[in-house]
PDB file of N, CA and C in Angstrom:
ATOM      1  N   UNK A   1    -110.863  34.764 -87.308  1.00  0.00           N
ATOM      2  CA  UNK A   1    -111.503  34.861 -88.534  1.00  0.00           C
ATOM      3  C   UNK A   1    -110.745  35.808 -89.555  1.00  0.00           C
ATOM      4  N   UNK A   2    -110.066  36.714 -89.120  1.00  0.00           N
ATOM      5  CA  UNK A   2    -109.135  37.508 -90.003  1.00  0.00           C
ATOM      6  C   UNK A   2    -108.055  36.638 -90.565  1.00  0.00           C
ATOM      7  N   UNK A   3    -107.524  35.690 -89.762  1.00  0.00           N
ATOM      8  CA  UNK A   3    -106.485  34.873 -90.119  1.00  0.00           C
ATOM      9  C   UNK A   3    -107.084  33.916 -91.320  1.00  0.00           C
ATOM     10  N   UNK A   4    -108.189  33.428 -91.081  1.00  0.00           N
ATOM     11  CA  UNK A   4    -108.798  32.496 -92.141  1.00  0.00           C
ATOM     12  C   UNK A   4    -108.962  33.263 -93.521  1.00  0.00           C
ATOM     13  N   UNK A   5    -109.470  34.447 -93.389  1.00  0.00           N
ATOM     14  CA  UNK A   5    -109.720  35.240 -94.730  1.00  0.00           C
ATOM     15  C   UNK A   5    -108.442  35.590 -95.289  1.00  0.00           C
ATOM     16  N   UNK A   6    -107.429  35.921 -94.557  1.00  0.00           N
ATOM     17  CA  UNK A   6    -106.051  36.242 -95.070  1.00  0.00           C
ATOM     18  C   UNK A   6    -105.467  35.038 -95.737  1.00  0.00           C
ATOM     19  N   UNK A   7    -105.597  33.857 -95.077  1.00  0.00           N
ATOM     20  CA  UNK A   7    -105.143  32.599 -95.580  1.00  0.00           C
ATOM     21  C   UNK A   7    -105.954  32.253 -96.910  1.00  0.00           C
ATOM     22  N   UNK A   8    -107.223  32.421 -96.905  1.00  0.00           N
ATOM     23  CA  UNK A   8    -107.972  32.089 -98.130  1.00  0.00           C
ATOM     24  C   UNK A   8    -107.617  33.040 -99.280  1.00  0.00           C
ATOM     25  N   UNK A   9    -107.476  34.277 -99.075  1.00  0.00           N
ATOM     26  CA  UNK A   9    -107.107  35.172-100.184  1.00  0.00           C
ATOM     27  C   UNK A   9    -105.629  35.017-100.659  1.00  0.00           C
ATOM     28  N   UNK A  10    -104.747  34.551 -99.730  1.00  0.00           N
ATOM     29  CA  UNK A  10    -103.348  34.259-100.074  1.00  0.00           C
ATOM     30  C   UNK A  10    -103.374  32.972-100.872  1.00  0.00           C
ATOM     31  N   UNK A  11    -104.245  32.057-100.595  1.00  0.00           N
ATOM     32  CA  UNK A  11    -104.258  30.777-101.388  1.00  0.00           C
ATOM     33  C   UNK A  11    -104.887  31.012-102.849  1.00  0.00           C
ATOM     34  N   UNK A  12    -105.917  31.876-102.883  1.00  0.00           N
ATOM     35  CA  UNK A  12    -106.527  32.192-104.083  1.00  0.00           C
ATOM     36  C   UNK A  12    -105.522  32.941-105.052  1.00  0.00           C
ATOM     37  N   UNK A  13    -104.887  33.924-104.423  1.00  0.00           N
ATOM     38  CA  UNK A  13    -103.870  34.804-105.160  1.00  0.00           C
ATOM     39  C   UNK A  13    -102.786  33.833-105.748  1.00  0.00           C
ATOM     40  N   UNK A  14    -102.168  32.967-104.873  1.00  0.00           N
ATOM     41  CA  UNK A  14    -101.123  32.121-105.285  1.00  0.00           C
ATOM     42  C   UNK A  14    -101.622  31.158-106.387  1.00  0.00           C
ATOM     43  N   UNK A  15    -102.827  30.617-106.177  1.00  0.00           N
ATOM     44  CA  UNK A  15    -103.463  29.735-107.222  1.00  0.00           C
ATOM     45  C   UNK A  15    -103.663  30.440-108.570  1.00  0.00           C
ATOM     46  N   UNK A  16    -104.090  31.615-108.509  1.00  0.00           N
ATOM     47  CA  UNK A  16    -104.287  32.366-109.754  1.00  0.00           C
ATOM     48  C   UNK A  16    -102.919  32.630-110.526  1.00  0.00           C
ATOM     49  N   UNK A  17    -101.882  33.001-109.703  1.00  0.00           N
ATOM     50  CA  UNK A  17    -100.604  33.279-110.240  1.00  0.00           C
ATOM     51  C   UNK A  17    -100.081  32.035-110.807  1.00  0.00           C
ATOM     52  N   UNK A  18    -100.180  30.851-110.155  1.00  0.00           N
ATOM     53  CA  UNK A  18     -99.666  29.522-110.755  1.00  0.00           C
ATOM     54  C   UNK A  18    -100.374  29.197-111.972  1.00  0.00           C
ATOM     55  N   UNK A  19    -101.741  29.355-112.033  1.00  0.00           N
ATOM     56  CA  UNK A  19    -102.461  29.112-113.169  1.00  0.00           C
ATOM     57  C   UNK A  19    -102.113  29.906-114.371  1.00  0.00           C
ATOM     58  N   UNK A  20    -101.806  31.198-114.138  1.00  0.00           N
ATOM     59  CA  UNK A  20    -101.424  32.199-115.240  1.00  0.00           C
ATOM     60  C   UNK A  20    -100.035  31.638-115.686  1.00  0.00           C
ATOM     61  N   UNK A  21     -99.120  31.392-114.761  1.00  0.00           N
ATOM     62  CA  UNK A  21     -97.761  30.985-115.267  1.00  0.00           C
ATOM     63  C   UNK A  21     -97.770  29.587-115.928  1.00  0.00           C
ATOM     64  N   UNK A  22     -98.663  28.756-115.532  1.00  0.00           N
ATOM     65  CA  UNK A  22     -98.782  27.498-116.150  1.00  0.00           C
ATOM     66  C   UNK A  22     -99.348  27.703-117.608  1.00  0.00           C
ATOM     67  N   UNK A  23    -100.332  28.520-117.793  1.00  0.00           N
ATOM     68  CA  UNK A  23    -100.911  28.730-119.085  1.00  0.00           C
ATOM     69  C   UNK A  23     -99.888  29.490-120.062  1.00  0.00           C
ATOM     70  N   UNK A  24     -99.125  30.445-119.487  1.00  0.00           N
ATOM     71  CA  UNK A  24     -98.255  31.224-120.423  1.00  0.00           C
ATOM     72  C   UNK A  24     -96.998  30.458-120.611  1.00  0.00           C
ATOM     73  N   UNK A  25     -96.564  29.656-119.748  1.00  0.00           N
ATOM     74  CA  UNK A  25     -95.305  28.911-119.910  1.00  0.00           C
ATOM     75  C   UNK A  25     -94.183  29.699-119.447  1.00  0.00           C
ATOM     76  N   UNK A  26     -92.987  29.165-119.502  1.00  0.00           N
ATOM     77  CA  UNK A  26     -91.804  29.944-119.085  1.00  0.00           C
ATOM     78  C   UNK A  26     -91.379  30.935-120.066  1.00  0.00           C
ATOM     79  N   UNK A  27     -90.683  31.983-119.585  1.00  0.00           N
ATOM     80  CA  UNK A  27     -90.271  33.012-120.534  1.00  0.00           C
ATOM     81  C   UNK A  27     -89.102  32.408-121.503  1.00  0.00           C
ATOM     82  N   UNK A  28     -89.062  32.813-122.722  1.00  0.00           N
ATOM     83  CA  UNK A  28     -88.190  32.292-123.671  1.00  0.00           C
ATOM     84  C   UNK A  28     -87.413  33.397-124.307  1.00  0.00           C
ATOM     85  N   UNK A  29     -86.138  33.319-124.285  1.00  0.00           N
ATOM     86  CA  UNK A  29     -85.301  34.407-124.971  1.00  0.00           C
ATOM     87  C   UNK A  29     -84.674  33.656-126.145  1.00  0.00           C
ATOM     88  N   UNK A  30     -85.001  34.107-127.309  1.00  0.00           N
ATOM     89  CA  UNK A  30     -84.526  33.468-128.525  1.00  0.00           C
ATOM     90  C   UNK A  30     -83.729  34.536-129.403  1.00  0.00           C
ATOM     91  N   UNK A  31     -82.614  34.208-129.687  1.00  0.00           N
ATOM     92  CA  UNK A  31     -81.769  35.181-130.592  1.00  0.00           C
ATOM     93  C   UNK A  31     -82.206  34.744-131.942  1.00  0.00           C
ATOM     94  N   UNK A  32     -82.532  35.841-132.745  1.00  0.00           N
ATOM     95  CA  UNK A  32     -82.791  35.644-134.176  1.00  0.00           C
ATOM     96  C   UNK A  32     -81.588  36.128-134.969  1.00  0.00           C
ATOM     97  N   UNK A  33     -81.609  35.675-136.311  1.00  0.00           N
ATOM     98  CA  UNK A  33     -80.425  36.081-137.067  1.00  0.00           C
ATOM     99  C   UNK A  33     -80.263  37.662-137.190  1.00  0.00           C
ATOM    100  N   UNK A  34     -81.381  38.321-137.322  1.00  0.00           N
ATOM    101  CA  UNK A  34     -81.222  39.811-137.469  1.00  0.00           C
ATOM    102  C   UNK A  34     -80.573  40.446-136.213  1.00  0.00           C
ATOM    103  N   UNK A  35     -80.931  39.790-134.971  1.00  0.00           N
ATOM    104  CA  UNK A  35     -80.343  40.239-133.770  1.00  0.00           C
ATOM    105  C   UNK A  35     -78.838  39.975-133.641  1.00  0.00           C
ATOM    106  N   UNK A  36     -78.490  38.817-134.217  1.00  0.00           N
ATOM    107  CA  UNK A  36     -77.063  38.338-134.198  1.00  0.00           C
ATOM    108  C   UNK A  36     -76.285  39.269-135.235  1.00  0.00           C
ATOM    109  N   UNK A  37     -76.849  39.614-136.357  1.00  0.00           N
ATOM    110  CA  UNK A  37     -76.211  40.523-137.301  1.00  0.00           C
ATOM    111  C   UNK A  37     -76.015  41.788-136.635  1.00  0.00           C
ATOM    112  N   UNK A  38     -76.972  42.334-136.039  1.00  0.00           N
ATOM    113  CA  UNK A  38     -76.880  43.737-135.351  1.00  0.00           C
ATOM    114  C   UNK A  38     -75.855  43.703-134.309  1.00  0.00           C
ATOM    115  N   UNK A  39     -75.819  42.649-133.560  1.00  0.00           N
ATOM    116  CA  UNK A  39     -74.857  42.599-132.439  1.00  0.00           C
ATOM    117  C   UNK A  39     -73.384  42.561-133.008  1.00  0.00           C
ATOM    118  N   UNK A  40     -73.223  41.749-133.982  1.00  0.00           N
ATOM    119  CA  UNK A  40     -71.904  41.676-134.628  1.00  0.00           C
ATOM    120  C   UNK A  40     -71.522  42.895-135.362  1.00  0.00           C
ATOM    121  N   UNK A  41     -72.441  43.612-135.889  1.00  0.00           N
ATOM    122  CA  UNK A  41     -72.134  45.018-136.377  1.00  0.00           C
ATOM    123  C   UNK A  41     -71.706  45.979-135.313  1.00  0.00           C
ATOM    124  N   UNK A  42     -72.488  45.870-134.249  1.00  0.00           N
ATOM    125  CA  UNK A  42     -72.019  46.717-133.053  1.00  0.00           C
ATOM    126  C   UNK A  42     -70.675  46.331-132.578  1.00  0.00           C
ATOM    127  N   UNK A  43     -70.351  45.133-132.575  1.00  0.00           N
ATOM    128  CA  UNK A  43     -68.909  44.683-132.220  1.00  0.00           C
ATOM    129  C   UNK A  43     -67.959  45.452-133.097  1.00  0.00           C
ATOM    130  N   UNK A  44     -68.318  45.441-134.490  1.00  0.00           N
ATOM    131  CA  UNK A  44     -67.300  46.003-135.399  1.00  0.00           C
ATOM    132  C   UNK A  44     -67.216  47.437-135.329  1.00  0.00           C
ATOM    133  N   UNK A  45     -68.375  48.203-134.941  1.00  0.00           N
ATOM    134  CA  UNK A  45     -68.216  49.669-134.863  1.00  0.00           C
ATOM    135  C   UNK A  45     -67.855  50.056-133.443  1.00  0.00           C
ATOM    136  N   UNK A  46     -67.777  49.111-132.527  1.00  0.00           N
ATOM    137  CA  UNK A  46     -67.141  49.467-131.196  1.00  0.00           C
ATOM    138  C   UNK A  46     -68.249  49.890-130.171  1.00  0.00           C
ATOM    139  N   UNK A  47     -69.519  49.689-130.540  1.00  0.00           N
ATOM    140  CA  UNK A  47     -70.596  50.111-129.642  1.00  0.00           C
ATOM    141  C   UNK A  47     -71.134  48.930-128.705  1.00  0.00           C
ATOM    142  N   UNK A  48     -70.705  47.793-129.018  1.00  0.00           N
ATOM    143  CA  UNK A  48     -71.140  46.530-128.233  1.00  0.00           C
ATOM    144  C   UNK A  48     -70.411  46.545-126.891  1.00  0.00           C
ATOM    145  N   UNK A  49     -71.084  46.070-125.856  1.00  0.00           N
ATOM    146  CA  UNK A  49     -70.477  46.094-124.446  1.00  0.00           C
ATOM    147  C   UNK A  49     -70.141  44.597-124.189  1.00  0.00           C
ATOM    148  N   UNK A  50     -69.399  44.396-123.168  1.00  0.00           N
ATOM    149  CA  UNK A  50     -69.173  43.132-122.679  1.00  0.00           C
ATOM    150  C   UNK A  50     -70.386  42.373-122.351  1.00  0.00           C
ATOM    151  N   UNK A  51     -71.324  43.031-121.729  1.00  0.00           N
ATOM    152  CA  UNK A  51     -72.641  42.422-121.400  1.00  0.00           C
ATOM    153  C   UNK A  51     -73.340  41.929-122.635  1.00  0.00           C
ATOM    154  N   UNK A  52     -73.431  42.757-123.706  1.00  0.00           N
ATOM    155  CA  UNK A  52     -73.963  42.243-125.015  1.00  0.00           C
ATOM    156  C   UNK A  52     -73.394  40.950-125.453  1.00  0.00           C
ATOM    157  N   UNK A  53     -71.959  41.014-125.445  1.00  0.00           N
ATOM    158  CA  UNK A  53     -71.255  39.717-125.954  1.00  0.00           C
ATOM    159  C   UNK A  53     -71.524  38.568-124.938  1.00  0.00           C
ATOM    160  N   UNK A  54     -71.573  38.849-123.669  1.00  0.00           N
ATOM    161  CA  UNK A  54     -71.891  37.642-122.736  1.00  0.00           C
ATOM    162  C   UNK A  54     -73.213  37.104-123.001  1.00  0.00           C
ATOM    163  N   UNK A  55     -74.232  37.942-123.220  1.00  0.00           N
ATOM    164  CA  UNK A  55     -75.507  37.414-123.448  1.00  0.00           C
ATOM    165  C   UNK A  55     -75.536  36.516-124.724  1.00  0.00           C
ATOM    166  N   UNK A  56     -74.889  37.038-125.749  1.00  0.00           N
ATOM    167  CA  UNK A  56     -74.915  36.284-127.021  1.00  0.00           C
ATOM    168  C   UNK A  56     -74.132  34.966-126.818  1.00  0.00           C
ATOM    169  N   UNK A  57     -73.020  34.885-126.119  1.00  0.00           N
ATOM    170  CA  UNK A  57     -72.311  33.743-126.059  1.00  0.00           C
ATOM    171  C   UNK A  57     -72.872  32.814-124.989  1.00  0.00           C
ATOM    172  N   UNK A  58     -73.703  33.351-123.976  1.00  0.00           N
ATOM    173  CA  UNK A  58     -74.150  32.549-122.916  1.00  0.00           C
ATOM    174  C   UNK A  58     -75.540  31.928-123.122  1.00  0.00           C
ATOM    175  N   UNK A  59     -76.297  32.393-124.056  1.00  0.00           N
ATOM    176  CA  UNK A  59     -77.518  31.763-124.316  1.00  0.00           C
ATOM    177  C   UNK A  59     -77.488  30.732-125.354  1.00  0.00           C
ATOM    178  N   UNK A  60     -77.827  29.430-124.935  1.00  0.00           N
ATOM    179  CA  UNK A  60     -77.715  28.365-125.845  1.00  0.00           C
ATOM    180  C   UNK A  60     -78.655  28.520-127.093  1.00  0.00           C
ATOM    181  N   UNK A  61     -78.266  28.175-128.200  1.00  0.00           N
ATOM    182  CA  UNK A  61     -79.049  28.195-129.364  1.00  0.00           C
ATOM    183  C   UNK A  61     -79.346  26.789-129.841  1.00  0.00           C
ATOM    184  N   UNK A  62     -80.512  26.321-129.640  1.00  0.00           N
ATOM    185  CA  UNK A  62     -80.792  24.945-130.008  1.00  0.00           C
ATOM    186  C   UNK A  62     -81.732  24.836-131.318  1.00  0.00           C
ATOM    187  N   UNK A  63     -82.487  25.864-131.656  1.00  0.00           N
ATOM    188  CA  UNK A  63     -83.506  26.014-132.550  1.00  0.00           C
ATOM    189  C   UNK A  63     -82.998  26.310-133.999  1.00  0.00           C
ATOM    190  N   UNK A  64     -81.726  26.693-134.144  1.00  0.00           N
ATOM    191  CA  UNK A  64     -81.148  27.041-135.475  1.00  0.00           C
ATOM    192  C   UNK A  64     -79.715  26.533-135.495  1.00  0.00           C
ATOM    193  N   UNK A  65     -79.491  25.363-136.114  1.00  0.00           N
ATOM    194  CA  UNK A  65     -78.122  24.749-136.200  1.00  0.00           C
ATOM    195  C   UNK A  65     -77.096  25.748-136.765  1.00  0.00           C
ATOM    196  N   UNK A  66     -77.525  26.388-137.732  1.00  0.00           N
ATOM    197  CA  UNK A  66     -76.564  27.376-138.499  1.00  0.00           C
ATOM    198  C   UNK A  66     -76.151  28.547-137.601  1.00  0.00           C
ATOM    199  N   UNK A  67     -77.170  28.982-136.848  1.00  0.00           N
ATOM    200  CA  UNK A  67     -76.908  30.202-135.916  1.00  0.00           C
ATOM    201  C   UNK A  67     -76.083  29.691-134.719  1.00  0.00           C
ATOM    202  N   UNK A  68     -76.289  28.405-134.285  1.00  0.00           N
ATOM    203  CA  UNK A  68     -75.484  27.929-133.242  1.00  0.00           C
ATOM    204  C   UNK A  68     -74.002  27.592-133.699  1.00  0.00           C
ATOM    205  N   UNK A  69     -73.796  27.358-134.961  1.00  0.00           N
ATOM    206  CA  UNK A  69     -72.484  27.198-135.471  1.00  0.00           C
ATOM    207  C   UNK A  69     -71.819  28.606-135.558  1.00  0.00           C
ATOM    208  N   UNK A  70     -72.661  29.563-135.868  1.00  0.00           N
ATOM    209  CA  UNK A  70     -72.017  31.072-135.873  1.00  0.00           C
ATOM    210  C   UNK A  70     -71.627  31.388-134.470  1.00  0.00           C
ATOM    211  N   UNK A  71     -72.500  30.987-133.500  1.00  0.00           N
ATOM    212  CA  UNK A  71     -72.234  31.252-132.118  1.00  0.00           C
ATOM    213  C   UNK A  71     -70.905  30.704-131.670  1.00  0.00           C
ATOM    214  N   UNK A  72     -70.708  29.326-132.101  1.00  0.00           N
ATOM    215  CA  UNK A  72     -69.479  28.665-131.787  1.00  0.00           C
ATOM    216  C   UNK A  72     -68.309  29.233-132.321  1.00  0.00           C
ATOM    217  N   UNK A  73     -68.400  29.729-133.660  1.00  0.00           N
ATOM    218  CA  UNK A  73     -67.294  30.332-134.272  1.00  0.00           C
ATOM    219  C   UNK A  73     -66.915  31.588-133.584  1.00  0.00           C
ATOM    220  N   UNK A  74     -67.970  32.387-133.168  1.00  0.00           N
ATOM    221  CA  UNK A  74     -67.655  33.605-132.557  1.00  0.00           C
ATOM    222  C   UNK A  74     -66.966  33.407-131.158  1.00  0.00           C
ATOM    223  N   UNK A  75     -67.404  32.388-130.398  1.00  0.00           N
ATOM    224  CA  UNK A  75     -66.768  31.999-129.179  1.00  0.00           C
ATOM    225  C   UNK A  75     -65.254  31.693-129.418  1.00  0.00           C
ATOM    226  N   UNK A  76     -65.090  30.850-130.471  1.00  0.00           N
ATOM    227  CA  UNK A  76     -63.633  30.422-130.712  1.00  0.00           C
ATOM    228  C   UNK A  76     -62.805  31.725-131.118  1.00  0.00           C
ATOM    229  N   UNK A  77     -63.429  32.669-131.919  1.00  0.00           N
ATOM    230  CA  UNK A  77     -62.635  33.841-132.183  1.00  0.00           C
ATOM    231  C   UNK A  77     -62.312  34.608-130.885  1.00  0.00           C
ATOM    232  N   UNK A  78     -63.345  34.739-130.009  1.00  0.00           N
ATOM    233  CA  UNK A  78     -63.103  35.416-128.786  1.00  0.00           C
ATOM    234  C   UNK A  78     -62.062  34.863-127.887  1.00  0.00           C
ATOM    235  N   UNK A  79     -61.989  33.447-127.901  1.00  0.00           N
ATOM    236  CA  UNK A  79     -61.017  32.751-127.116  1.00  0.00           C
ATOM    237  C   UNK A  79     -59.627  32.856-127.722  1.00  0.00           C
ATOM    238  N   UNK A  80     -59.476  32.978-129.062  1.00  0.00           N
ATOM    239  CA  UNK A  80     -58.250  33.072-129.675  1.00  0.00           C
ATOM    240  C   UNK A  80     -57.732  34.497-129.921  1.00  0.00           C
ATOM    241  N   UNK A  81     -58.667  35.488-129.682  1.00  0.00           N
ATOM    242  CA  UNK A  81     -58.245  36.897-129.808  1.00  0.00           C
ATOM    243  C   UNK A  81     -57.280  37.356-128.725  1.00  0.00           C
ATOM    244  N   UNK A  82     -56.257  38.031-129.078  1.00  0.00           N
ATOM    245  CA  UNK A  82     -55.250  38.419-128.091  1.00  0.00           C
ATOM    246  C   UNK A  82     -55.463  39.745-127.447  1.00  0.00           C
ATOM    247  N   UNK A  83     -56.731  40.265-127.465  1.00  0.00           N
ATOM    248  CA  UNK A  83     -57.066  41.519-126.977  1.00  0.00           C
ATOM    249  C   UNK A  83     -57.326  42.654-127.823  1.00  0.00           C
ATOM    250  N   UNK A  84     -58.035  43.519-127.275  1.00  0.00           N
ATOM    251  CA  UNK A  84     -58.539  44.658-128.112  1.00  0.00           C
ATOM    252  C   UNK A  84     -57.875  45.974-127.486  1.00  0.00           C
ATOM    253  N   UNK A  85     -58.209  46.997-128.183  1.00  0.00           N
ATOM    254  CA  UNK A  85     -57.771  48.328-127.606  1.00  0.00           C
ATOM    255  C   UNK A  85     -58.867  49.396-127.849  1.00  0.00           C
ATOM    256  N   UNK A  86     -58.727  50.485-127.280  1.00  0.00           N
ATOM    257  CA  UNK A  86     -59.667  51.593-127.427  1.00  0.00           C
ATOM    258  C   UNK A  86     -61.172  51.212-127.265  1.00  0.00           C
ATOM    259  N   UNK A  87     -61.390  50.461-126.181  1.00  0.00           N
ATOM    260  CA  UNK A  87     -62.788  50.125-125.891  1.00  0.00           C
ATOM    261  C   UNK A  87     -63.352  49.178-126.797  1.00  0.00           C
ATOM    262  N   UNK A  88     -62.762  48.444-127.618  1.00  0.00           N
ATOM    263  CA  UNK A  88     -63.265  47.436-128.627  1.00  0.00           C
ATOM    264  C   UNK A  88     -63.110  46.050-127.880  1.00  0.00           C
ATOM    265  N   UNK A  89     -64.044  45.278-128.310  1.00  0.00           N
ATOM    266  CA  UNK A  89     -64.010  43.835-127.787  1.00  0.00           C
ATOM    267  C   UNK A  89     -62.957  43.028-128.384  1.00  0.00           C
ATOM    268  N   UNK A  90     -62.515  43.313-129.689  1.00  0.00           N
ATOM    269  CA  UNK A  90     -61.631  42.490-130.411  1.00  0.00           C
ATOM    270  C   UNK A  90     -60.568  43.201-131.080  1.00  0.00           C
ATOM    271  N   UNK A  91     -59.465  42.600-131.359  1.00  0.00           N
ATOM    272  CA  UNK A  91     -58.305  43.212-132.107  1.00  0.00           C
ATOM    273  C   UNK A  91     -58.783  43.320-133.540  1.00  0.00           C
ATOM    274  N   UNK A  92     -57.946  43.879-134.350  1.00  0.00           N
ATOM    275  CA  UNK A  92     -58.218  44.016-135.801  1.00  0.00           C
ATOM    276  C   UNK A  92     -58.367  42.775-136.484  1.00  0.00           C
ATOM    277  N   UNK A  93     -57.631  41.710-136.137  1.00  0.00           N
ATOM    278  CA  UNK A  93     -57.792  40.359-136.664  1.00  0.00           C
ATOM    279  C   UNK A  93     -59.135  39.761-136.219  1.00  0.00           C
ATOM    280  N   UNK A  94     -59.476  39.894-135.078  1.00  0.00           N
ATOM    281  CA  UNK A  94     -60.754  39.346-134.650  1.00  0.00           C
ATOM    282  C   UNK A  94     -61.871  40.107-135.270  1.00  0.00           C
ATOM    283  N   UNK A  95     -61.753  41.487-135.518  1.00  0.00           N
ATOM    284  CA  UNK A  95     -62.810  42.053-136.170  1.00  0.00           C
ATOM    285  C   UNK A  95     -62.948  41.648-137.687  1.00  0.00           C
ATOM    286  N   UNK A  96     -61.801  41.342-138.335  1.00  0.00           N
ATOM    287  CA  UNK A  96     -61.844  40.917-139.656  1.00  0.00           C
ATOM    288  C   UNK A  96     -62.610  39.570-139.683  1.00  0.00           C
ATOM    289  N   UNK A  97     -62.442  38.696-138.733  1.00  0.00           N
ATOM    290  CA  UNK A  97     -63.087  37.382-138.730  1.00  0.00           C
ATOM    291  C   UNK A  97     -64.567  37.610-138.414  1.00  0.00           C
ATOM    292  N   UNK A  98     -64.914  38.503-137.495  1.00  0.00           N
ATOM    293  CA  UNK A  98     -66.305  38.851-137.247  1.00  0.00           C
ATOM    294  C   UNK A  98     -66.957  39.485-138.539  1.00  0.00           C
ATOM    295  N   UNK A  99     -66.286  40.289-139.302  1.00  0.00           N
ATOM    296  CA  UNK A  99     -66.843  40.931-140.458  1.00  0.00           C
ATOM    297  C   UNK A  99     -67.132  39.856-141.498  1.00  0.00           C
ATOM    298  N   UNK A 100     -66.350  38.764-141.505  1.00  0.00           N
ATOM    299  CA  UNK A 100     -66.559  37.730-142.546  1.00  0.00           C
ATOM    300  C   UNK A 100     -67.829  36.939-142.152  1.00  0.00           C
ATOM    301  N   UNK A 101     -67.997  36.819-140.863  1.00  0.00           N
ATOM    302  CA  UNK A 101     -69.203  36.066-140.452  1.00  0.00           C
ATOM    303  C   UNK A 101     -70.428  37.010-140.704  1.00  0.00           C
ATOM    304  N   UNK A 102     -70.425  38.221-140.528  1.00  0.00           N
ATOM    305  CA  UNK A 102     -71.522  39.209-140.752  1.00  0.00           C
ATOM    306  C   UNK A 102     -71.845  39.063-142.172  1.00  0.00           C
ATOM    307  N   UNK A 103     -70.761  39.017-143.098  1.00  0.00           N
ATOM    308  CA  UNK A 103     -71.111  39.004-144.611  1.00  0.00           C
ATOM    309  C   UNK A 103     -71.740  37.660-144.942  1.00  0.00           C
ATOM    310  N   UNK A 104     -71.391  36.602-144.293  1.00  0.00           N
ATOM    311  CA  UNK A 104     -71.937  35.332-144.581  1.00  0.00           C
ATOM    312  C   UNK A 104     -73.485  35.294-144.174  1.00  0.00           C
ATOM    313  N   UNK A 105     -73.722  35.874-142.891  1.00  0.00           N
ATOM    314  CA  UNK A 105     -75.114  35.864-142.392  1.00  0.00           C
ATOM    315  C   UNK A 105     -75.961  36.839-143.243  1.00  0.00           C
ATOM    316  N   UNK A 106     -75.458  38.008-143.800  1.00  0.00           N
ATOM    317  CA  UNK A 106     -76.219  38.826-144.564  1.00  0.00           C
ATOM    318  C   UNK A 106     -76.506  38.159-145.919  1.00  0.00           C
ATOM    319  N   UNK A 107     -75.502  37.467-146.463  1.00  0.00           N
ATOM    320  CA  UNK A 107     -75.788  36.746-147.716  1.00  0.00           C
ATOM    321  C   UNK A 107     -76.789  35.663-147.558  1.00  0.00           C
ATOM    322  N   UNK A 108     -76.760  34.858-146.477  1.00  0.00           N
ATOM    323  CA  UNK A 108     -77.824  33.852-146.262  1.00  0.00           C
ATOM    324  C   UNK A 108     -79.183  34.456-146.038  1.00  0.00           C
ATOM    325  N   UNK A 109     -79.258  35.697-145.403  1.00  0.00           N
ATOM    326  CA  UNK A 109     -80.547  36.390-145.250  1.00  0.00           C
ATOM    327  C   UNK A 109     -81.023  36.822-146.586  1.00  0.00           C
ATOM    328  N   UNK A 110     -80.127  37.360-147.380  1.00  0.00           N
ATOM    329  CA  UNK A 110     -80.613  37.825-148.712  1.00  0.00           C
ATOM    330  C   UNK A 110     -81.194  36.638-149.508  1.00  0.00           C
ATOM    331  N   UNK A 111     -80.474  35.510-149.485  1.00  0.00           N
ATOM    332  CA  UNK A 111     -81.028  34.330-150.155  1.00  0.00           C
ATOM    333  C   UNK A 111     -82.399  33.968-149.664  1.00  0.00           C
ATOM    334  N   UNK A 112     -82.527  33.863-148.352  1.00  0.00           N
ATOM    335  CA  UNK A 112     -83.837  33.500-147.793  1.00  0.00           C
ATOM    336  C   UNK A 112     -84.950  34.501-148.028  1.00  0.00           C
ATOM    337  N   UNK A 113     -84.640  35.728-148.242  1.00  0.00           N
ATOM    338  CA  UNK A 113     -85.788  36.733-148.512  1.00  0.00           C
ATOM    339  C   UNK A 113     -86.034  36.915-149.917  1.00  0.00           C
ATOM    340  N   UNK A 114     -85.170  36.311-150.801  1.00  0.00           N
ATOM    341  CA  UNK A 114     -85.267  36.431-152.200  1.00  0.00           C
ATOM    342  C   UNK A 114     -86.549  35.573-152.654  1.00  0.00           C
ATOM    343  N   UNK A 115     -87.495  36.135-153.297  1.00  0.00           N
ATOM    344  CA  UNK A 115     -88.640  35.267-153.679  1.00  0.00           C
ATOM    345  C   UNK A 115     -88.299  34.182-154.728  1.00  0.00           C
ATOM    346  N   UNK A 116     -88.756  33.088-154.612  1.00  0.00           N
ATOM    347  CA  UNK A 116     -88.545  32.101-155.655  1.00  0.00           C
ATOM    348  C   UNK A 116     -89.523  32.269-156.782  1.00  0.00           C
ATOM    349  N   UNK A 117     -89.024  32.043-157.921  1.00  0.00           N
ATOM    350  CA  UNK A 117     -89.810  32.241-159.260  1.00  0.00           C
ATOM    351  C   UNK A 117     -89.845  31.007-160.047  1.00  0.00           C
TER     352      UNK A 117
END
């Protein structure tokens, strides 16, 4: 009898868990422009870690073609960069290229937030 009750409660618990996961859907991690800008600023000031950079370059961006292009450009910069020093992810040339991308992103954000008259 104990075995049947345990089996029944286990079945109910698993069924409830599956129902909750089915209703909520899979977890989604979406990078937003402000997050990318903040990350690139952290790269420039030297506070970004390798893990931060790996998450940015490793998560595919399908929902924003412009942001996906920024990601590809950053990956190209990282591949072409010849090394950093003093705990930084990029050399001075790489940081200049990242700074240009940050400026572009901020300009695009300012245009999007500017009210149309």
